[in-house]
Amino acid sequence: MAVLVRDLLEVLIVLAVGAMLVTVVRRLAAGELRVYRCSACARPTSRGYPRCRHCGSEQPDAL
């Protein structure tokens, strides 16, 4: 019984990850995903940090 439960959980995890990947690919193909770019150097960067990792300029809309 424990093996059956483990196998079912494993299948559910695989289905969830697969569904997330399909969603991302669809949004990417539809052009709905936007890359955040630094306002100074125009290189892709993270909004999670207050400064650009490439040029060091402060990002006005960092989270």
PDB file of N, CA and C in Angstrom:
ATOM      1  N   MET A   1       0.819  -1.199   0.000  1.00  0.00           N
ATOM      2  CA  MET A   1       0.000   0.000   0.000  1.00  0.00           C
ATOM      3  C   MET A   1       0.862   1.263   0.000  1.00  0.00           C
ATOM      4  N   ALA A   2       1.957   1.240   0.778  1.00  0.00           N
ATOM      5  CA  ALA A   2       2.829   2.404   0.855  1.00  0.00           C
ATOM      6  C   ALA A   2       3.502   2.676  -0.491  1.00  0.00           C
ATOM      7  N   VAL A   3       3.808   1.610  -1.202  1.00  0.00           N
ATOM      8  CA  VAL A   3       4.450   1.773  -2.505  1.00  0.00           C
ATOM      9  C   VAL A   3       3.463   2.400  -3.490  1.00  0.00           C
ATOM     10  N   LEU A   4       2.211   2.023  -3.415  1.00  0.00           N
ATOM     11  CA  LEU A   4       1.186   2.579  -4.300  1.00  0.00           C
ATOM     12  C   LEU A   4       1.005   4.072  -4.047  1.00  0.00           C
ATOM     13  N   VAL A   5       0.967   4.449  -2.783  1.00  0.00           N
ATOM     14  CA  VAL A   5       0.836   5.868  -2.431  1.00  0.00           C
ATOM     15  C   VAL A   5       2.045   6.645  -2.924  1.00  0.00           C
ATOM     16  N   ARG A   6       3.232   6.088  -2.722  1.00  0.00           N
ATOM     17  CA  ARG A   6       4.451   6.747  -3.183  1.00  0.00           C
ATOM     18  C   ARG A   6       4.444   6.909  -4.698  1.00  0.00           C
ATOM     19  N   ASP A   7       4.032   5.876  -5.404  1.00  0.00           N
ATOM     20  CA  ASP A   7       3.977   5.941  -6.868  1.00  0.00           C
ATOM     21  C   ASP A   7       2.956   6.967  -7.350  1.00  0.00           C
ATOM     22  N   LEU A   8       1.804   7.037  -6.683  1.00  0.00           N
ATOM     23  CA  LEU A   8       0.797   8.024  -7.060  1.00  0.00           C
ATOM     24  C   LEU A   8       1.298   9.449  -6.820  1.00  0.00           C
ATOM     25  N   LEU A   9       1.958   9.661  -5.705  1.00  0.00           N
ATOM     26  CA  LEU A   9       2.525  10.988  -5.434  1.00  0.00           C
ATOM     27  C   LEU A   9       3.585  11.350  -6.466  1.00  0.00           C
ATOM     28  N   GLU A  10       4.384  10.386  -6.847  1.00  0.00           N
ATOM     29  CA  GLU A  10       5.413  10.623  -7.853  1.00  0.00           C
ATOM     30  C   GLU A  10       4.791  10.994  -9.200  1.00  0.00           C
ATOM     31  N   VAL A  11       3.729  10.321  -9.570  1.00  0.00           N
ATOM     32  CA  VAL A  11       3.033  10.621 -10.825  1.00  0.00           C
ATOM     33  C   VAL A  11       2.437  12.020 -10.764  1.00  0.00           C
ATOM     34  N   LEU A  12       1.836  12.382  -9.637  1.00  0.00           N
ATOM     35  CA  LEU A  12       1.261  13.721  -9.496  1.00  0.00           C
ATOM     36  C   LEU A  12       2.324  14.809  -9.590  1.00  0.00           C
ATOM     37  N   ILE A  13       3.485  14.570  -9.009  1.00  0.00           N
ATOM     38  CA  ILE A  13       4.572  15.551  -9.090  1.00  0.00           C
ATOM     39  C   ILE A  13       5.037  15.699 -10.537  1.00  0.00           C
ATOM     40  N   VAL A  14       5.179  14.596 -11.242  1.00  0.00           N
ATOM     41  CA  VAL A  14       5.607  14.648 -12.644  1.00  0.00           C
ATOM     42  C   VAL A  14       4.573  15.391 -13.486  1.00  0.00           C
ATOM     43  N   LEU A  15       3.296  15.143 -13.233  1.00  0.00           N
ATOM     44  CA  LEU A  15       2.248  15.852 -13.975  1.00  0.00           C
ATOM     45  C   LEU A  15       2.266  17.345 -13.673  1.00  0.00           C
ATOM     46  N   ALA A  16       2.480  17.709 -12.416  1.00  0.00           N
ATOM     47  CA  ALA A  16       2.511  19.129 -12.042  1.00  0.00           C
ATOM     48  C   ALA A  16       3.687  19.840 -12.709  1.00  0.00           C
ATOM     49  N   VAL A  17       4.849  19.230 -12.684  1.00  0.00           N
ATOM     50  CA  VAL A  17       6.025  19.848 -13.312  1.00  0.00           C
ATOM     51  C   VAL A  17       5.830  19.938 -14.822  1.00  0.00           C
ATOM     52  N   GLY A  18       5.282  18.903 -15.412  1.00  0.00           N
ATOM     53  CA  GLY A  18       5.008  18.927 -16.852  1.00  0.00           C
ATOM     54  C   GLY A  18       4.023  20.023 -17.226  1.00  0.00           C
ATOM     55  N   ALA A  19       2.983  20.200 -16.418  1.00  0.00           N
ATOM     56  CA  ALA A  19       2.003  21.253 -16.690  1.00  0.00           C
ATOM     57  C   ALA A  19       2.635  22.631 -16.572  1.00  0.00           C
ATOM     58  N   MET A  20       3.526  22.817 -15.591  1.00  0.00           N
ATOM     59  CA  MET A  20       4.216  24.107 -15.462  1.00  0.00           C
ATOM     60  C   MET A  20       5.087  24.381 -16.684  1.00  0.00           C
ATOM     61  N   LEU A  21       5.781  23.367 -17.160  1.00  0.00           N
ATOM     62  CA  LEU A  21       6.628  23.543 -18.346  1.00  0.00           C
ATOM     63  C   LEU A  21       5.789  23.884 -19.576  1.00  0.00           C
ATOM     64  N   VAL A  22       4.660  23.222 -19.745  1.00  0.00           N
ATOM     65  CA  VAL A  22       3.780  23.505 -20.880  1.00  0.00           C
ATOM     66  C   VAL A  22       3.274  24.940 -20.805  1.00  0.00           C
ATOM     67  N   THR A  23       2.901  25.385 -19.617  1.00  0.00           N
ATOM     68  CA  THR A  23       2.416  26.747 -19.440  1.00  0.00           C
ATOM     69  C   THR A  23       3.486  27.766 -19.799  1.00  0.00           C
ATOM     70  N   VAL A  24       4.705  27.547 -19.355  1.00  0.00           N
ATOM     71  CA  VAL A  24       5.792  28.485 -19.653  1.00  0.00           C
ATOM     72  C   VAL A  24       6.081  28.516 -21.149  1.00  0.00           C
ATOM     73  N   VAL A  25       6.096  27.365 -21.785  1.00  0.00           N
ATOM     74  CA  VAL A  25       6.364  27.320 -23.229  1.00  0.00           C
ATOM     75  C   VAL A  25       5.254  28.044 -23.996  1.00  0.00           C
ATOM     76  N   ARG A  26       4.001  27.859 -23.588  1.00  0.00           N
ATOM     77  CA  ARG A  26       2.896  28.555 -24.256  1.00  0.00           C
ATOM     78  C   ARG A  26       3.002  30.060 -24.071  1.00  0.00           C
ATOM     79  N   ARG A  27       3.307  30.512 -22.848  1.00  0.00           N
ATOM     80  CA  ARG A  27       3.431  31.949 -22.606  1.00  0.00           C
ATOM     81  C   ARG A  27       4.624  32.524 -23.368  1.00  0.00           C
ATOM     82  N   LEU A  28       5.708  31.765 -23.469  1.00  0.00           N
ATOM     83  CA  LEU A  28       6.877  32.214 -24.221  1.00  0.00           C
ATOM     84  C   LEU A  28       6.543  32.331 -25.707  1.00  0.00           C
ATOM     85  N   ALA A  29       5.835  31.356 -26.245  1.00  0.00           N
ATOM     86  CA  ALA A  29       5.456  31.381 -27.663  1.00  0.00           C
ATOM     87  C   ALA A  29       4.476  32.513 -27.962  1.00  0.00           C
ATOM     88  N   ALA A  30       3.635  32.860 -26.989  1.00  0.00           N
ATOM     89  CA  ALA A  30       2.644  33.924 -27.192  1.00  0.00           C
ATOM     90  C   ALA A  30       3.238  35.313 -26.949  1.00  0.00           C
ATOM     91  N   GLY A  31       4.474  35.363 -26.478  1.00  0.00           N
ATOM     92  CA  GLY A  31       5.121  36.646 -26.229  1.00  0.00           C
ATOM     93  C   GLY A  31       4.661  37.324 -24.956  1.00  0.00           C
ATOM     94  N   GLU A  32       4.147  36.567 -24.003  1.00  0.00           N
ATOM     95  CA  GLU A  32       3.646  37.134 -22.761  1.00  0.00           C
ATOM     96  C   GLU A  32       4.723  37.304 -21.694  1.00  0.00           C
ATOM     97  N   LEU A  33       5.885  36.697 -21.895  1.00  0.00           N
ATOM     98  CA  LEU A  33       6.962  36.812 -20.913  1.00  0.00           C
ATOM     99  C   LEU A  33       7.887  37.955 -21.314  1.00  0.00           C
ATOM    100  N   ARG A  34       8.196  38.814 -20.355  1.00  0.00           N
ATOM    101  CA  ARG A  34       9.050  39.961 -20.625  1.00  0.00           C
ATOM    102  C   ARG A  34      10.312  39.854 -19.776  1.00  0.00           C
ATOM    103  N   VAL A  35      11.445  40.062 -20.400  1.00  0.00           N
ATOM    104  CA  VAL A  35      12.716  40.031 -19.692  1.00  0.00           C
ATOM    105  C   VAL A  35      12.949  41.405 -19.080  1.00  0.00           C
ATOM    106  N   TYR A  36      13.255  41.443 -17.790  1.00  0.00           N
ATOM    107  CA  TYR A  36      13.552  42.709 -17.126  1.00  0.00           C
ATOM    108  C   TYR A  36      14.973  43.126 -17.503  1.00  0.00           C
ATOM    109  N   ARG A  37      15.118  44.368 -17.958  1.00  0.00           N
ATOM    110  CA  ARG A  37      16.429  44.865 -18.383  1.00  0.00           C
ATOM    111  C   ARG A  37      16.832  46.068 -17.554  1.00  0.00           C
ATOM    112  N   CYS A  38      18.134  46.210 -17.335  1.00  0.00           N
ATOM    113  CA  CYS A  38      18.689  47.331 -16.588  1.00  0.00           C
ATOM    114  C   CYS A  38      18.417  48.623 -17.353  1.00  0.00           C
ATOM    115  N   SER A  39      18.072  49.669 -16.621  1.00  0.00           N
ATOM    116  CA  SER A  39      17.778  50.948 -17.268  1.00  0.00           C
ATOM    117  C   SER A  39      19.040  51.641 -17.772  1.00  0.00           C
ATOM    118  N   ALA A  40      20.204  51.263 -17.250  1.00  0.00           N
ATOM    119  CA  ALA A  40      21.458  51.903 -17.663  1.00  0.00           C
ATOM    120  C   ALA A  40      22.177  51.149 -18.781  1.00  0.00           C
ATOM    121  N   CYS A  41      22.340  49.835 -18.614  1.00  0.00           N
ATOM    122  CA  CYS A  41      23.130  49.084 -19.594  1.00  0.00           C
ATOM    123  C   CYS A  41      22.277  48.213 -20.517  1.00  0.00           C
ATOM    124  N   ALA A  42      20.974  48.113 -20.260  1.00  0.00           N
ATOM    125  CA  ALA A  42      20.020  47.361 -21.079  1.00  0.00           C
ATOM    126  C   ALA A  42      20.303  45.865 -21.132  1.00  0.00           C
ATOM    127  N   ARG A  43      21.067  45.357 -20.172  1.00  0.00           N
ATOM    128  CA  ARG A  43      21.318  43.920 -20.112  1.00  0.00           C
ATOM    129  C   ARG A  43      20.305  43.264 -19.185  1.00  0.00           C
ATOM    130  N   PRO A  44      19.959  42.007 -19.409  1.00  0.00           N
ATOM    131  CA  PRO A  44      19.008  41.318 -18.532  1.00  0.00           C
ATOM    132  C   PRO A  44      19.553  41.252 -17.110  1.00  0.00           C
ATOM    133  N   THR A  45      18.710  41.557 -16.147  1.00  0.00           N
ATOM    134  CA  THR A  45      19.120  41.529 -14.749  1.00  0.00           C
ATOM    135  C   THR A  45      17.933  41.128 -13.884  1.00  0.00           C
ATOM    136  N   SER A  46      18.148  40.994 -12.607  1.00  0.00           N
ATOM    137  CA  SER A  46      17.100  40.578 -11.689  1.00  0.00           C
ATOM    138  C   SER A  46      16.507  41.776 -10.969  1.00  0.00           C
ATOM    139  N   ARG A  47      15.185  41.755 -10.786  1.00  0.00           N
ATOM    140  CA  ARG A  47      14.532  42.814 -10.010  1.00  0.00           C
ATOM    141  C   ARG A  47      14.658  42.547  -8.520  1.00  0.00           C
ATOM    142  N   GLY A  48      15.181  41.395  -8.155  1.00  0.00           N
ATOM    143  CA  GLY A  48      15.306  41.020  -6.753  1.00  0.00           C
ATOM    144  C   GLY A  48      16.442  41.717  -6.030  1.00  0.00           C
ATOM    145  N   TYR A  49      17.306  42.394  -6.754  1.00  0.00           N
ATOM    146  CA  TYR A  49      18.441  43.082  -6.146  1.00  0.00           C
ATOM    147  C   TYR A  49      18.365  44.575  -6.480  1.00  0.00           C
ATOM    148  N   PRO A  50      18.786  45.430  -5.567  1.00  0.00           N
ATOM    149  CA  PRO A  50      18.665  46.866  -5.808  1.00  0.00           C
ATOM    150  C   PRO A  50      19.640  47.404  -6.851  1.00  0.00           C
ATOM    151  N   ARG A  51      20.699  46.654  -7.163  1.00  0.00           N
ATOM    152  CA  ARG A  51      21.695  47.109  -8.132  1.00  0.00           C
ATOM    153  C   ARG A  51      21.876  46.083  -9.251  1.00  0.00           C
ATOM    154  N   CYS A  52      22.173  46.591 -10.441  1.00  0.00           N
ATOM    155  CA  CYS A  52      22.453  45.725 -11.586  1.00  0.00           C
ATOM    156  C   CYS A  52      23.758  44.989 -11.335  1.00  0.00           C
ATOM    157  N   ARG A  53      23.804  43.700 -11.598  1.00  0.00           N
ATOM    158  CA  ARG A  53      25.030  42.938 -11.366  1.00  0.00           C
ATOM    159  C   ARG A  53      26.080  43.195 -12.442  1.00  0.00           C
ATOM    160  N   HIS A  54      25.678  43.797 -13.558  1.00  0.00           N
ATOM    161  CA  HIS A  54      26.610  44.056 -14.648  1.00  0.00           C
ATOM    162  C   HIS A  54      27.296  45.410 -14.506  1.00  0.00           C
ATOM    163  N   CYS A  55      26.500  46.459 -14.304  1.00  0.00           N
ATOM    164  CA  CYS A  55      27.073  47.812 -14.290  1.00  0.00           C
ATOM    165  C   CYS A  55      27.016  48.470 -12.916  1.00  0.00           C
ATOM    166  N   GLY A  56      26.260  47.884 -11.982  1.00  0.00           N
ATOM    167  CA  GLY A  56      26.205  48.428 -10.634  1.00  0.00           C
ATOM    168  C   GLY A  56      25.241  49.581 -10.438  1.00  0.00           C
ATOM    169  N   SER A  57      24.492  49.959 -11.469  1.00  0.00           N
ATOM    170  CA  SER A  57      23.572  51.066 -11.302  1.00  0.00           C
ATOM    171  C   SER A  57      22.352  50.636 -10.491  1.00  0.00           C
ATOM    172  N   GLU A  58      21.787  51.570  -9.762  1.00  0.00           N
ATOM    173  CA  GLU A  58      20.635  51.277  -8.926  1.00  0.00           C
ATOM    174  C   GLU A  58      19.391  51.129  -9.795  1.00  0.00           C
ATOM    175  N   GLN A  59      18.599  50.105  -9.502  1.00  0.00           N
ATOM    176  CA  GLN A  59      17.379  49.847 -10.258  1.00  0.00           C
ATOM    177  C   GLN A  59      16.194  50.504  -9.555  1.00  0.00           C
ATOM    178  N   PRO A  60      15.489  51.401 -10.232  1.00  0.00           N
ATOM    179  CA  PRO A  60      14.398  52.128  -9.572  1.00  0.00           C
ATOM    180  C   PRO A  60      13.217  51.263  -9.177  1.00  0.00           C
ATOM    181  N   ASP A  61      12.951  50.185  -9.907  1.00  0.00           N
ATOM    182  CA  ASP A  61      11.785  49.368  -9.596  1.00  0.00           C
ATOM    183  C   ASP A  61      12.166  47.982  -9.065  1.00  0.00           C
ATOM    184  N   ALA A  62      13.277  47.919  -8.344  1.00  0.00           N
ATOM    185  CA  ALA A  62      13.692  46.647  -7.730  1.00  0.00           C
ATOM    186  C   ALA A  62      12.726  46.296  -6.616  1.00  0.00           C
ATOM    187  N   LEU A  63      12.518  45.017  -6.437  1.00  0.00           N
ATOM    188  CA  LEU A  63      11.572  44.542  -5.411  1.00  0.00           C
ATOM    189  C   LEU A  63      12.181  44.589  -4.032  1.00  0.00           C
TER     190      LEU A  63
END
